[in-house]
């Protein structure tokens, strides 16, 4: 079973870069656990300066989607993951 993907694109306000990345990973882990409990879904983070490296965590698939809006992001994610089985 493929774990629920993380859609990249928010940031946590803090001045320390390492702390900001750790805080983002904590948010991703907590959100991922909620999505896993539901059985399907996607955790979405949206910010113009976020990168996959900021949120990667063990056991969590990160997919970067660059899009102008949520509808475009959803369509791109669907196309990128077409054929994958959850």
N, C-alpha and C. Protein backbone atom coordinates (compact mmCIF):
# COMPACT_ATOMS: atom_id res chain seq x y z
N UNK A 1 0.84 -1.17 0.00
CA UNK A 1 0.00 0.00 0.00
C UNK A 1 0.89 1.24 0.00
N UNK A 2 0.63 2.17 -0.88
CA UNK A 2 1.36 3.43 -0.94
C UNK A 2 0.75 4.37 0.07
N UNK A 3 1.57 5.01 0.87
CA UNK A 3 1.03 5.96 1.84
C UNK A 3 0.46 7.17 1.12
N UNK A 4 -0.40 7.89 1.80
CA UNK A 4 -1.02 9.08 1.21
C UNK A 4 0.06 10.07 0.82
N UNK A 5 -0.02 10.63 -0.37
CA UNK A 5 1.01 11.58 -0.80
C UNK A 5 0.89 12.92 -0.12
N UNK A 6 1.96 13.64 -0.11
CA UNK A 6 2.00 15.00 0.41
C UNK A 6 2.09 15.93 -0.79
N UNK A 7 1.15 16.82 -0.91
CA UNK A 7 1.15 17.80 -1.99
C UNK A 7 1.86 19.04 -1.50
N UNK A 8 2.93 19.41 -2.17
CA UNK A 8 3.74 20.53 -1.72
C UNK A 8 3.19 21.86 -2.19
N UNK A 9 3.36 22.70 -1.57
CA UNK A 9 3.07 24.04 -1.98
C UNK A 9 2.57 24.75 -0.78
N UNK A 10 2.80 25.38 2.90
CA UNK A 10 2.68 26.48 3.81
C UNK A 10 3.93 26.55 4.62
N UNK A 11 4.17 27.51 5.16
CA UNK A 11 5.34 27.57 5.99
C UNK A 11 4.99 27.98 7.40
N UNK A 12 5.88 27.67 8.31
CA UNK A 12 5.73 28.04 9.71
C UNK A 12 6.64 29.23 9.96
N UNK A 13 6.12 30.28 10.58
CA UNK A 13 6.91 31.48 10.82
C UNK A 13 7.88 31.26 11.98
N UNK A 14 9.14 31.35 11.66
CA UNK A 14 10.20 31.31 12.67
C UNK A 14 11.46 31.80 11.98
N UNK A 15 12.38 32.32 12.75
CA UNK A 15 13.60 32.86 12.14
C UNK A 15 14.67 31.80 11.94
N UNK A 16 14.60 30.70 12.68
CA UNK A 16 15.60 29.64 12.59
C UNK A 16 15.18 28.63 11.51
N UNK A 17 15.97 28.54 10.44
CA UNK A 17 15.64 27.67 9.31
C UNK A 17 15.49 26.21 9.73
N UNK A 18 16.41 25.69 10.51
CA UNK A 18 16.35 24.29 10.95
C UNK A 18 15.10 24.04 11.78
N UNK A 19 14.78 24.96 12.65
CA UNK A 19 13.59 24.84 13.48
C UNK A 19 12.33 24.90 12.63
N UNK A 20 12.32 25.77 11.63
CA UNK A 20 11.18 25.89 10.73
C UNK A 20 10.94 24.57 9.99
N UNK A 21 12.01 23.96 9.51
CA UNK A 21 11.89 22.69 8.80
C UNK A 21 11.39 21.60 9.74
N UNK A 22 11.90 21.56 10.96
CA UNK A 22 11.45 20.57 11.94
C UNK A 22 9.97 20.77 12.27
N UNK A 23 9.56 22.03 12.42
CA UNK A 23 8.15 22.33 12.69
C UNK A 23 7.27 21.89 11.53
N UNK A 24 7.72 22.13 10.31
CA UNK A 24 6.96 21.70 9.13
C UNK A 24 6.82 20.18 9.10
N UNK A 25 7.92 19.47 9.40
CA UNK A 25 7.85 18.01 9.41
C UNK A 25 6.88 17.51 10.48
N UNK A 26 6.84 18.19 11.64
CA UNK A 26 5.88 17.81 12.68
C UNK A 26 4.45 17.98 12.19
N UNK A 27 4.19 19.08 11.48
CA UNK A 27 2.86 19.33 10.93
C UNK A 27 2.52 18.24 9.91
N UNK A 28 3.48 17.92 9.06
CA UNK A 28 3.27 16.89 8.04
C UNK A 28 2.98 15.54 8.70
N UNK A 29 3.77 15.16 9.69
CA UNK A 29 3.55 13.87 10.37
C UNK A 29 2.15 13.80 10.97
N UNK A 30 1.75 14.86 11.69
CA UNK A 30 0.43 14.88 12.34
C UNK A 30 -0.69 14.83 11.30
N UNK A 31 -0.54 15.61 10.24
CA UNK A 31 -1.55 15.63 9.17
C UNK A 31 -1.60 14.29 8.45
N UNK A 32 -0.43 13.71 8.20
CA UNK A 32 -0.35 12.42 7.52
C UNK A 32 -1.06 11.34 8.34
N UNK A 33 -0.87 11.34 9.65
CA UNK A 33 -1.54 10.37 10.52
C UNK A 33 -3.05 10.50 10.40
N UNK A 34 -3.55 11.73 10.34
CA UNK A 34 -4.99 11.96 10.20
C UNK A 34 -5.50 11.41 8.87
N UNK A 35 -4.76 11.67 7.80
CA UNK A 35 -5.16 11.18 6.48
C UNK A 35 -5.14 9.66 6.44
N UNK A 36 -4.13 9.06 7.03
CA UNK A 36 -4.04 7.60 7.06
C UNK A 36 -5.22 6.99 7.81
N UNK A 37 -5.69 7.66 8.88
CA UNK A 37 -6.84 7.18 9.64
C UNK A 37 -8.10 7.19 8.78
N UNK A 38 -8.21 8.15 7.86
CA UNK A 38 -9.39 8.27 7.00
C UNK A 38 -9.39 7.20 5.90
N UNK A 39 -8.25 6.71 5.56
CA UNK A 39 -8.15 5.70 4.52
C UNK A 39 -7.82 6.24 3.14
N UNK A 40 -8.04 7.49 2.93
CA UNK A 40 -7.66 8.11 1.66
C UNK A 40 -7.60 9.62 1.86
N UNK A 41 -6.92 10.28 0.99
CA UNK A 41 -6.80 11.73 1.09
C UNK A 41 -5.39 12.17 0.81
N UNK A 42 -5.21 13.46 0.83
CA UNK A 42 -3.92 14.06 0.54
C UNK A 42 -3.68 15.20 1.52
N UNK A 43 -2.50 15.27 2.08
CA UNK A 43 -2.09 16.41 2.88
C UNK A 43 -1.52 17.44 1.91
N UNK A 44 -2.00 18.66 1.96
CA UNK A 44 -1.53 19.68 1.04
C UNK A 44 -0.92 20.85 1.79
N UNK A 45 0.30 21.20 1.41
CA UNK A 45 0.98 22.38 1.93
C UNK A 45 1.23 23.29 0.73
N UNK A 46 0.89 24.55 0.88
CA UNK A 46 0.97 25.45 -0.27
C UNK A 46 1.72 26.72 0.12
N UNK A 47 2.87 26.93 -0.47
CA UNK A 47 3.66 28.15 -0.24
C UNK A 47 4.70 28.25 -1.34
N UNK A 48 4.99 29.45 -1.77
CA UNK A 48 5.91 29.60 -2.89
C UNK A 48 7.37 29.33 -2.55
N UNK A 49 7.71 29.19 -1.26
CA UNK A 49 9.10 28.94 -0.89
C UNK A 49 9.34 27.58 -0.26
N UNK A 50 8.33 26.75 -0.18
CA UNK A 50 8.50 25.43 0.43
C UNK A 50 9.13 24.47 -0.58
N UNK A 51 9.93 23.54 -0.08
CA UNK A 51 10.56 22.54 -0.94
C UNK A 51 10.32 21.16 -0.33
N UNK A 52 10.42 20.11 -1.15
CA UNK A 52 10.23 18.75 -0.62
C UNK A 52 11.18 18.42 0.54
N UNK A 53 12.41 18.89 0.48
CA UNK A 53 13.38 18.61 1.54
C UNK A 53 12.94 19.16 2.89
N UNK A 54 12.13 20.21 2.89
CA UNK A 54 11.67 20.81 4.14
C UNK A 54 10.69 19.91 4.89
N UNK A 55 10.01 19.02 4.17
CA UNK A 55 8.95 18.24 4.81
C UNK A 55 9.13 16.73 4.72
N UNK A 56 10.18 16.27 4.05
CA UNK A 56 10.39 14.82 3.93
C UNK A 56 10.53 14.20 5.31
N UNK A 57 9.85 13.07 5.46
CA UNK A 57 9.93 12.32 6.71
C UNK A 57 9.83 10.84 6.37
N UNK A 58 10.40 10.01 7.22
CA UNK A 58 10.41 8.57 6.99
C UNK A 58 8.98 8.04 6.86
N UNK A 59 8.76 7.24 5.82
CA UNK A 59 7.46 6.62 5.62
C UNK A 59 6.41 7.50 4.98
N UNK A 60 6.79 8.70 4.55
CA UNK A 60 5.84 9.62 3.93
C UNK A 60 6.30 9.95 2.53
N UNK A 61 5.43 9.71 1.57
CA UNK A 61 5.73 10.03 0.17
C UNK A 61 5.49 11.52 -0.05
N UNK A 62 6.46 12.21 -0.63
CA UNK A 62 6.33 13.64 -0.93
C UNK A 62 6.31 13.82 -2.43
N UNK A 63 5.29 14.49 -2.92
CA UNK A 63 5.17 14.78 -4.34
C UNK A 63 5.09 16.29 -4.50
N UNK A 64 6.00 16.84 -5.28
CA UNK A 64 5.97 18.29 -5.51
C UNK A 64 5.12 18.58 -6.75
N UNK A 65 4.15 19.45 -6.57
CA UNK A 65 3.27 19.87 -7.66
C UNK A 65 3.34 21.38 -7.77
N UNK A 66 3.71 21.86 -8.93
CA UNK A 66 3.75 23.31 -9.16
C UNK A 66 2.50 23.66 -9.95
N UNK A 67 1.67 24.54 -9.39
CA UNK A 67 0.41 24.89 -10.02
C UNK A 67 0.00 26.31 -9.63
N UNK A 68 -0.84 26.91 -10.44
CA UNK A 68 -1.31 28.27 -10.20
C UNK A 68 -2.45 28.32 -9.20
N UNK A 69 -3.19 27.21 -9.05
CA UNK A 69 -4.33 27.19 -8.14
C UNK A 69 -4.61 25.75 -7.71
N UNK A 70 -5.55 25.60 -6.78
CA UNK A 70 -5.85 24.28 -6.22
C UNK A 70 -6.42 23.33 -7.27
N UNK A 71 -7.27 23.84 -8.15
CA UNK A 71 -7.85 22.97 -9.19
C UNK A 71 -6.77 22.41 -10.11
N UNK A 72 -5.84 23.28 -10.49
CA UNK A 72 -4.74 22.84 -11.36
C UNK A 72 -3.85 21.85 -10.62
N UNK A 73 -3.60 22.10 -9.35
CA UNK A 73 -2.77 21.19 -8.55
C UNK A 73 -3.41 19.82 -8.44
N UNK A 74 -4.72 19.78 -8.21
CA UNK A 74 -5.42 18.51 -8.09
C UNK A 74 -5.34 17.73 -9.40
N UNK A 75 -5.53 18.42 -10.51
CA UNK A 75 -5.45 17.76 -11.82
C UNK A 75 -4.04 17.23 -12.09
N UNK A 76 -3.04 18.03 -11.76
CA UNK A 76 -1.65 17.60 -11.97
C UNK A 76 -1.31 16.41 -11.08
N UNK A 77 -1.74 16.45 -9.82
CA UNK A 77 -1.47 15.34 -8.91
C UNK A 77 -2.13 14.06 -9.43
N UNK A 78 -3.35 14.18 -9.89
CA UNK A 78 -4.06 13.03 -10.43
C UNK A 78 -3.30 12.44 -11.61
N UNK A 79 -2.83 13.29 -12.50
CA UNK A 79 -2.07 12.83 -13.68
C UNK A 79 -0.74 12.20 -13.27
N UNK A 80 -0.08 12.78 -12.26
CA UNK A 80 1.22 12.28 -11.81
C UNK A 80 1.10 10.92 -11.13
N UNK A 81 -0.03 10.66 -10.47
CA UNK A 81 -0.17 9.44 -9.70
C UNK A 81 -1.07 8.42 -10.39
N UNK A 82 -1.47 8.71 -11.60
CA UNK A 82 -2.33 7.79 -12.37
C UNK A 82 -1.63 6.43 -12.48
N UNK A 83 -2.37 5.41 -12.16
CA UNK A 83 -1.82 4.06 -12.26
C UNK A 83 -1.25 3.54 -10.96
N UNK A 84 -1.02 4.44 -9.98
CA UNK A 84 -0.54 3.97 -8.67
C UNK A 84 -1.70 3.37 -7.91
N UNK A 85 -1.43 2.30 -7.18
CA UNK A 85 -2.46 1.68 -6.35
C UNK A 85 -2.21 2.04 -4.90
N UNK A 86 -3.26 2.48 -4.22
CA UNK A 86 -3.17 2.80 -2.79
C UNK A 86 -3.55 1.62 -1.96
